[in-house]
């Protein structure tokens, strides 16, 4: 279930040596910033999934979710990241350590009930399967 996420982590790992590179046509932030942002986001979402209580899950229709899941891409610059997932400081070594910890956290998803979820501010509650798709 989480094999694709582990593959994506490997792709992040392969780019850690380029962490200081910047392409302003793509983003004002460096590759390292984006790697750390991705790792922070994954870990925050997994923590929320692990702590979720299925009896509080509420389905709601979300056109943005339908669209994003259909095109399988989040348009750049359309959303503002919460402060908890905005990198402050990182090094190649800290990125490697964070990546290892994130890999362990991802594996925890394999043993969870399908009704675990996290609350997304725009998409609403995403059950485990959709949460994993969102992380990808």
N, C-alpha and C. Protein backbone atom coordinates (compact mmCIF):
# COMPACT_ATOMS: atom_id res chain seq x y z
N UNK A 1 0.83 -1.21 0.00
CA UNK A 1 0.00 0.00 0.00
C UNK A 1 0.87 1.26 0.00
N UNK A 2 2.00 1.19 0.63
CA UNK A 2 2.85 2.39 0.74
C UNK A 2 4.10 2.30 -0.13
N UNK A 3 4.16 1.31 -1.01
CA UNK A 3 5.35 1.14 -1.86
C UNK A 3 5.64 2.38 -2.70
N UNK A 4 4.58 2.99 -3.24
CA UNK A 4 4.78 4.18 -4.08
C UNK A 4 5.37 5.33 -3.26
N UNK A 5 4.91 5.47 -2.01
CA UNK A 5 5.47 6.53 -1.16
C UNK A 5 6.95 6.27 -0.88
N UNK A 6 7.30 5.02 -0.67
CA UNK A 6 8.71 4.69 -0.43
C UNK A 6 9.56 4.98 -1.68
N UNK A 7 9.00 4.71 -2.84
CA UNK A 7 9.69 5.04 -4.11
C UNK A 7 9.90 6.55 -4.23
N UNK A 8 8.88 7.31 -3.86
CA UNK A 8 8.99 8.76 -3.92
C UNK A 8 10.03 9.28 -2.93
N UNK A 9 10.10 8.65 -1.76
CA UNK A 9 11.14 9.02 -0.79
C UNK A 9 12.52 8.78 -1.38
N UNK A 10 12.67 7.69 -2.10
CA UNK A 10 13.97 7.39 -2.72
C UNK A 10 14.32 8.48 -3.75
N UNK A 11 13.32 8.97 -4.47
CA UNK A 11 13.57 10.06 -5.42
C UNK A 11 14.02 11.32 -4.69
N UNK A 12 13.40 11.60 -3.53
CA UNK A 12 13.84 12.74 -2.73
C UNK A 12 15.28 12.53 -2.28
N UNK A 13 15.57 11.32 -1.81
CA UNK A 13 16.92 11.00 -1.35
C UNK A 13 17.95 11.22 -2.46
N UNK A 14 17.60 10.85 -3.67
CA UNK A 14 18.51 11.00 -4.80
C UNK A 14 18.83 12.46 -5.12
N UNK A 15 18.03 13.38 -4.60
CA UNK A 15 18.24 14.80 -4.89
C UNK A 15 18.81 15.59 -3.71
N UNK A 16 19.11 14.93 -2.62
CA UNK A 16 19.63 15.64 -1.45
C UNK A 16 20.95 16.33 -1.76
N UNK A 17 21.79 15.71 -2.58
CA UNK A 17 23.08 16.35 -2.91
C UNK A 17 22.90 17.64 -3.71
N UNK A 18 21.72 17.85 -4.27
CA UNK A 18 21.42 19.08 -5.02
C UNK A 18 20.65 20.08 -4.16
N UNK A 19 20.62 19.85 -2.84
CA UNK A 19 19.75 20.60 -1.95
C UNK A 19 19.92 22.11 -2.01
N UNK A 20 21.05 22.59 -2.42
CA UNK A 20 21.24 24.04 -2.47
C UNK A 20 20.85 24.65 -3.81
N UNK A 21 20.57 23.81 -4.79
CA UNK A 21 20.22 24.32 -6.12
C UNK A 21 18.87 25.00 -6.11
N UNK A 22 18.76 25.96 -7.01
CA UNK A 22 17.55 26.77 -7.11
C UNK A 22 17.24 27.01 -8.57
N UNK A 23 15.98 26.91 -8.94
CA UNK A 23 15.53 27.25 -10.28
C UNK A 23 14.36 28.20 -10.11
N UNK A 24 14.63 29.49 -10.20
CA UNK A 24 13.61 30.50 -9.92
C UNK A 24 12.46 30.47 -10.91
N UNK A 25 12.64 29.82 -12.06
CA UNK A 25 11.52 29.67 -12.99
C UNK A 25 10.50 28.68 -12.45
N UNK A 26 10.95 27.81 -11.55
CA UNK A 26 10.06 26.81 -10.96
C UNK A 26 9.60 27.26 -9.58
N UNK A 27 10.53 27.74 -8.75
CA UNK A 27 10.20 28.11 -7.39
C UNK A 27 11.26 29.07 -6.84
N UNK A 28 10.86 29.85 -5.85
CA UNK A 28 11.81 30.74 -5.18
C UNK A 28 12.59 29.99 -4.10
N UNK A 29 12.21 28.74 -3.85
CA UNK A 29 12.84 27.93 -2.80
C UNK A 29 13.75 26.87 -3.42
N UNK A 30 14.75 26.48 -2.65
CA UNK A 30 15.73 25.51 -3.13
C UNK A 30 15.17 24.09 -3.13
N UNK A 31 15.92 23.19 -3.75
CA UNK A 31 15.55 21.77 -3.76
C UNK A 31 15.49 21.25 -2.33
N UNK A 32 16.45 21.62 -1.51
CA UNK A 32 16.47 21.19 -0.11
C UNK A 32 15.22 21.64 0.63
N UNK A 33 14.80 22.87 0.39
CA UNK A 33 13.58 23.38 1.03
C UNK A 33 12.39 22.49 0.66
N UNK A 34 12.28 22.15 -0.62
CA UNK A 34 11.16 21.33 -1.08
C UNK A 34 11.21 19.92 -0.50
N UNK A 35 12.42 19.37 -0.38
CA UNK A 35 12.55 18.04 0.23
C UNK A 35 12.09 18.10 1.68
N UNK A 36 12.59 19.08 2.44
CA UNK A 36 12.21 19.20 3.85
C UNK A 36 10.71 19.47 3.99
N UNK A 37 10.17 20.31 3.14
CA UNK A 37 8.73 20.60 3.17
C UNK A 37 7.93 19.31 2.95
N UNK A 38 8.34 18.51 1.99
CA UNK A 38 7.65 17.25 1.71
C UNK A 38 7.71 16.32 2.92
N UNK A 39 8.88 16.20 3.53
CA UNK A 39 9.04 15.32 4.68
C UNK A 39 8.21 15.81 5.87
N UNK A 40 8.23 17.11 6.12
CA UNK A 40 7.41 17.67 7.20
C UNK A 40 5.93 17.40 6.96
N UNK A 41 5.49 17.61 5.75
CA UNK A 41 4.08 17.40 5.40
C UNK A 41 3.68 15.94 5.61
N UNK A 42 4.49 15.03 5.11
CA UNK A 42 4.20 13.60 5.27
C UNK A 42 4.08 13.24 6.74
N UNK A 43 5.03 13.71 7.54
CA UNK A 43 5.04 13.35 8.96
C UNK A 43 3.86 13.95 9.73
N UNK A 44 3.49 15.17 9.42
CA UNK A 44 2.33 15.79 10.08
C UNK A 44 1.06 15.02 9.73
N UNK A 45 0.90 14.68 8.47
CA UNK A 45 -0.30 13.96 8.05
C UNK A 45 -0.35 12.57 8.68
N UNK A 46 0.78 11.87 8.69
CA UNK A 46 0.80 10.54 9.30
C UNK A 46 0.45 10.63 10.79
N UNK A 47 0.99 11.62 11.49
CA UNK A 47 0.67 11.78 12.91
C UNK A 47 -0.83 11.97 13.11
N UNK A 48 -1.44 12.76 12.24
CA UNK A 48 -2.89 12.99 12.35
C UNK A 48 -3.68 11.72 12.03
N UNK A 49 -3.21 10.96 11.07
CA UNK A 49 -3.88 9.69 10.75
C UNK A 49 -3.78 8.74 11.95
N UNK A 50 -2.59 8.61 12.50
CA UNK A 50 -2.38 7.70 13.64
C UNK A 50 -3.27 8.07 14.83
N UNK A 51 -3.51 9.36 15.02
CA UNK A 51 -4.30 9.83 16.16
C UNK A 51 -5.78 9.98 15.86
N UNK A 52 -6.20 9.63 14.64
CA UNK A 52 -7.60 9.84 14.28
C UNK A 52 -8.51 8.81 14.93
N UNK A 53 -9.75 9.19 15.08
CA UNK A 53 -10.78 8.33 15.64
C UNK A 53 -11.89 8.21 14.59
N UNK A 54 -12.08 7.02 14.08
CA UNK A 54 -13.01 6.78 12.97
C UNK A 54 -14.42 7.29 13.25
N UNK A 55 -14.84 7.32 14.50
CA UNK A 55 -16.21 7.76 14.79
C UNK A 55 -16.40 9.26 14.56
N UNK A 56 -15.29 10.00 14.37
CA UNK A 56 -15.40 11.43 14.11
C UNK A 56 -15.29 11.77 12.62
N UNK A 57 -15.08 10.75 11.79
CA UNK A 57 -14.97 10.95 10.35
C UNK A 57 -16.28 11.49 9.78
N UNK A 58 -16.16 12.49 8.90
CA UNK A 58 -17.34 13.06 8.24
C UNK A 58 -17.03 13.21 6.75
N UNK A 59 -17.81 12.52 5.91
CA UNK A 59 -17.65 12.67 4.48
C UNK A 59 -18.32 13.94 4.04
N UNK A 60 -17.68 14.63 3.09
CA UNK A 60 -18.33 15.76 2.44
C UNK A 60 -17.83 15.83 1.01
N UNK A 61 -18.70 16.27 0.12
CA UNK A 61 -18.29 16.43 -1.27
C UNK A 61 -17.34 17.61 -1.37
N UNK A 62 -16.27 17.42 -2.13
CA UNK A 62 -15.31 18.48 -2.36
C UNK A 62 -14.90 18.48 -3.82
N UNK A 63 -15.35 19.50 -4.56
CA UNK A 63 -14.96 19.60 -5.96
C UNK A 63 -13.44 19.74 -6.11
N UNK A 64 -12.77 20.58 -5.29
CA UNK A 64 -11.30 20.65 -5.41
C UNK A 64 -10.63 19.28 -5.25
N UNK A 65 -11.11 18.49 -4.30
CA UNK A 65 -10.54 17.15 -4.11
C UNK A 65 -10.76 16.31 -5.36
N UNK A 66 -11.97 16.32 -5.89
CA UNK A 66 -12.28 15.56 -7.09
C UNK A 66 -11.36 15.95 -8.24
N UNK A 67 -11.17 17.23 -8.44
CA UNK A 67 -10.32 17.74 -9.51
C UNK A 67 -8.86 17.35 -9.30
N UNK A 68 -8.32 17.62 -8.12
CA UNK A 68 -6.91 17.34 -7.83
C UNK A 68 -6.63 15.84 -7.92
N UNK A 69 -7.55 15.01 -7.40
CA UNK A 69 -7.34 13.57 -7.47
C UNK A 69 -7.46 13.06 -8.91
N UNK A 70 -8.29 13.71 -9.72
CA UNK A 70 -8.45 13.30 -11.12
C UNK A 70 -7.21 13.62 -11.94
N UNK A 71 -6.65 14.83 -11.74
CA UNK A 71 -5.46 15.20 -12.52
C UNK A 71 -4.17 14.74 -11.84
N UNK A 72 -4.30 14.29 -10.59
CA UNK A 72 -3.17 13.75 -9.84
C UNK A 72 -2.02 14.75 -9.69
N UNK A 73 -2.39 16.00 -9.46
CA UNK A 73 -1.38 17.06 -9.35
C UNK A 73 -1.98 18.25 -8.62
N UNK A 74 -1.17 18.84 -7.74
CA UNK A 74 -1.58 20.07 -7.07
C UNK A 74 -0.93 21.23 -7.81
N UNK A 75 -1.72 22.15 -8.35
CA UNK A 75 -1.13 23.28 -9.09
C UNK A 75 -0.20 24.10 -8.20
N UNK A 76 0.93 24.48 -8.75
CA UNK A 76 1.91 25.27 -8.00
C UNK A 76 1.36 26.65 -7.67
N UNK A 77 1.68 27.11 -6.48
CA UNK A 77 1.35 28.47 -6.08
C UNK A 77 -0.11 28.73 -5.79
N UNK A 78 -0.92 27.68 -5.71
CA UNK A 78 -2.35 27.86 -5.50
C UNK A 78 -2.76 27.71 -4.04
N UNK A 79 -1.87 27.18 -3.22
CA UNK A 79 -2.21 26.96 -1.81
C UNK A 79 -1.07 27.47 -0.93
N UNK A 80 -1.43 27.87 0.27
CA UNK A 80 -0.43 28.34 1.24
C UNK A 80 -0.22 27.23 2.26
N UNK A 81 1.03 26.89 2.49
CA UNK A 81 1.36 25.85 3.45
C UNK A 81 1.22 26.35 4.88
N UNK A 82 0.70 25.49 5.76
CA UNK A 82 0.66 25.87 7.18
C UNK A 82 2.09 26.00 7.72
N UNK A 83 2.26 26.84 8.72
CA UNK A 83 3.59 27.10 9.29
C UNK A 83 4.28 25.83 9.77
N UNK A 84 3.51 24.84 10.19
CA UNK A 84 4.11 23.61 10.71
C UNK A 84 4.87 22.81 9.66
N UNK A 85 4.64 23.09 8.39
CA UNK A 85 5.34 22.35 7.34
C UNK A 85 6.23 23.25 6.48
N UNK A 86 6.52 24.43 6.99
CA UNK A 86 7.44 25.34 6.30
C UNK A 86 8.82 25.18 6.92
N UNK A 87 9.79 24.71 6.12
CA UNK A 87 11.13 24.48 6.66
C UNK A 87 11.79 25.75 7.18
N UNK A 88 12.52 25.59 8.27
CA UNK A 88 13.27 26.71 8.85
C UNK A 88 14.74 26.53 8.55
N UNK A 89 15.27 25.38 8.92
CA UNK A 89 16.68 25.11 8.69
C UNK A 89 16.86 23.63 8.38
N UNK A 90 17.84 23.31 7.57
CA UNK A 90 18.11 21.93 7.19
C UNK A 90 19.50 21.87 6.57
N UNK A 91 20.08 20.70 6.60
CA UNK A 91 21.37 20.42 5.96
C UNK A 91 21.20 19.10 5.21
N UNK A 92 22.17 18.75 4.40
CA UNK A 92 22.10 17.46 3.71
C UNK A 92 22.00 16.33 4.74
N UNK A 93 22.75 16.44 5.82
CA UNK A 93 22.72 15.40 6.85
C UNK A 93 21.35 15.35 7.54
N UNK A 94 20.79 16.51 7.89
CA UNK A 94 19.48 16.51 8.56
C UNK A 94 18.39 16.01 7.61
N UNK A 95 18.52 16.29 6.31
CA UNK A 95 17.55 15.79 5.35
C UNK A 95 17.61 14.26 5.27
N UNK A 96 18.81 13.70 5.28
CA UNK A 96 18.95 12.24 5.25
C UNK A 96 18.35 11.61 6.51
N UNK A 97 18.62 12.20 7.67
CA UNK A 97 18.05 11.70 8.92
C UNK A 97 16.53 11.78 8.90
N UNK A 98 16.03 12.91 8.45
CA UNK A 98 14.57 13.12 8.40
C UNK A 98 13.93 12.12 7.43
N UNK A 99 14.61 11.86 6.32
CA UNK A 99 14.11 10.93 5.33
C UNK A 99 14.00 9.51 5.92
N UNK A 100 15.00 9.10 6.69
CA UNK A 100 14.95 7.78 7.33
C UNK A 100 13.78 7.69 8.30
N UNK A 101 13.60 8.72 9.11
CA UNK A 101 12.49 8.74 10.07
C UNK A 101 11.14 8.72 9.35
N UNK A 102 11.05 9.43 8.25
CA UNK A 102 9.81 9.47 7.47
C UNK A 102 9.51 8.10 6.87
N UNK A 103 10.53 7.41 6.43
CA UNK A 103 10.35 6.07 5.88
C UNK A 103 9.74 5.13 6.92
N UNK A 104 10.20 5.23 8.15
CA UNK A 104 9.66 4.42 9.25
C UNK A 104 8.20 4.78 9.51
N UNK A 105 7.91 6.09 9.50
CA UNK A 105 6.53 6.54 9.72
C UNK A 105 5.60 6.03 8.62
N UNK A 106 6.06 6.05 7.39
CA UNK A 106 5.24 5.58 6.27
C UNK A 106 4.89 4.11 6.45
N UNK A 107 5.82 3.32 6.91
CA UNK A 107 5.57 1.89 7.11
C UNK A 107 4.46 1.64 8.13
N UNK A 108 4.28 2.55 9.07
CA UNK A 108 3.22 2.41 10.07
C UNK A 108 1.84 2.42 9.42
N UNK A 109 1.72 3.06 8.27
CA UNK A 109 0.42 3.14 7.59
C UNK A 109 -0.08 1.76 7.15
N UNK A 110 0.85 0.84 6.89
CA UNK A 110 0.47 -0.50 6.42
C UNK A 110 -0.33 -1.30 7.45
N UNK A 111 -0.19 -0.97 8.71
CA UNK A 111 -0.87 -1.75 9.74
C UNK A 111 -2.13 -1.06 10.27
N UNK A 112 -2.54 0.01 9.65
CA UNK A 112 -3.70 0.76 10.14
C UNK A 112 -5.00 0.29 9.51
N UNK A 113 -6.07 0.53 10.23
CA UNK A 113 -7.41 0.26 9.74
C UNK A 113 -7.73 1.24 8.60
N UNK A 114 -8.48 0.78 7.62
CA UNK A 114 -8.84 1.62 6.47
C UNK A 114 -9.68 2.82 6.84
N UNK A 115 -10.29 2.83 8.03
CA UNK A 115 -11.14 3.96 8.40
C UNK A 115 -10.39 5.06 9.16
N UNK A 116 -9.08 4.91 9.31
CA UNK A 116 -8.28 6.00 9.86
C UNK A 116 -8.28 7.13 8.83
N UNK A 117 -8.10 8.37 9.26
CA UNK A 117 -8.21 9.49 8.34
C UNK A 117 -7.45 10.71 8.85
N UNK A 118 -7.35 11.71 8.00
CA UNK A 118 -6.88 13.03 8.46
C UNK A 118 -7.78 14.09 7.84
N UNK A 119 -7.87 15.20 8.53
CA UNK A 119 -8.73 16.30 8.10
C UNK A 119 -7.91 17.29 7.29
N UNK A 120 -8.29 17.44 6.02
CA UNK A 120 -7.64 18.40 5.14
C UNK A 120 -8.50 19.66 5.11
N UNK A 121 -7.90 20.85 5.19
CA UNK A 121 -8.70 22.07 5.27
C UNK A 121 -9.58 22.36 4.04
N UNK A 122 -9.20 21.84 2.89
CA UNK A 122 -9.99 22.08 1.68
C UNK A 122 -10.74 20.83 1.23
N UNK A 123 -10.08 19.69 1.29
CA UNK A 123 -10.66 18.44 0.79
C UNK A 123 -11.59 17.76 1.79
N UNK A 124 -11.54 18.17 3.03
CA UNK A 124 -12.33 17.50 4.07
C UNK A 124 -11.58 16.29 4.60
N UNK A 125 -12.28 15.41 5.25
CA UNK A 125 -11.66 14.22 5.84
C UNK A 125 -11.27 13.23 4.74
N UNK A 126 -10.02 12.79 4.78
CA UNK A 126 -9.52 11.82 3.81
C UNK A 126 -9.20 10.52 4.53
N UNK A 127 -9.93 9.46 4.20
CA UNK A 127 -9.64 8.16 4.78
C UNK A 127 -8.26 7.70 4.30
N UNK A 128 -7.76 6.67 4.97
CA UNK A 128 -6.38 6.21 4.77
C UNK A 128 -5.99 6.07 3.30
N UNK A 129 -6.80 5.39 2.51
CA UNK A 129 -6.47 5.18 1.09
C UNK A 129 -6.30 6.51 0.36
N UNK A 130 -7.24 7.43 0.56
CA UNK A 130 -7.15 8.75 -0.09
C UNK A 130 -6.01 9.58 0.50
N UNK A 131 -5.74 9.43 1.78
CA UNK A 131 -4.64 10.16 2.41
C UNK A 131 -3.31 9.72 1.79
N UNK A 132 -3.16 8.43 1.57
CA UNK A 132 -1.92 7.92 0.94
C UNK A 132 -1.80 8.44 -0.48
N UNK A 133 -2.92 8.46 -1.20
CA UNK A 133 -2.91 9.02 -2.57
C UNK A 133 -2.51 10.50 -2.53
N UNK A 134 -3.06 11.25 -1.59
CA UNK A 134 -2.73 12.66 -1.44
C UNK A 134 -1.24 12.84 -1.16
N UNK A 135 -0.69 12.03 -0.28
CA UNK A 135 0.74 12.13 0.03
C UNK A 135 1.60 11.89 -1.20
N UNK A 136 1.16 10.96 -2.05
CA UNK A 136 1.91 10.69 -3.28
C UNK A 136 1.89 11.88 -4.21
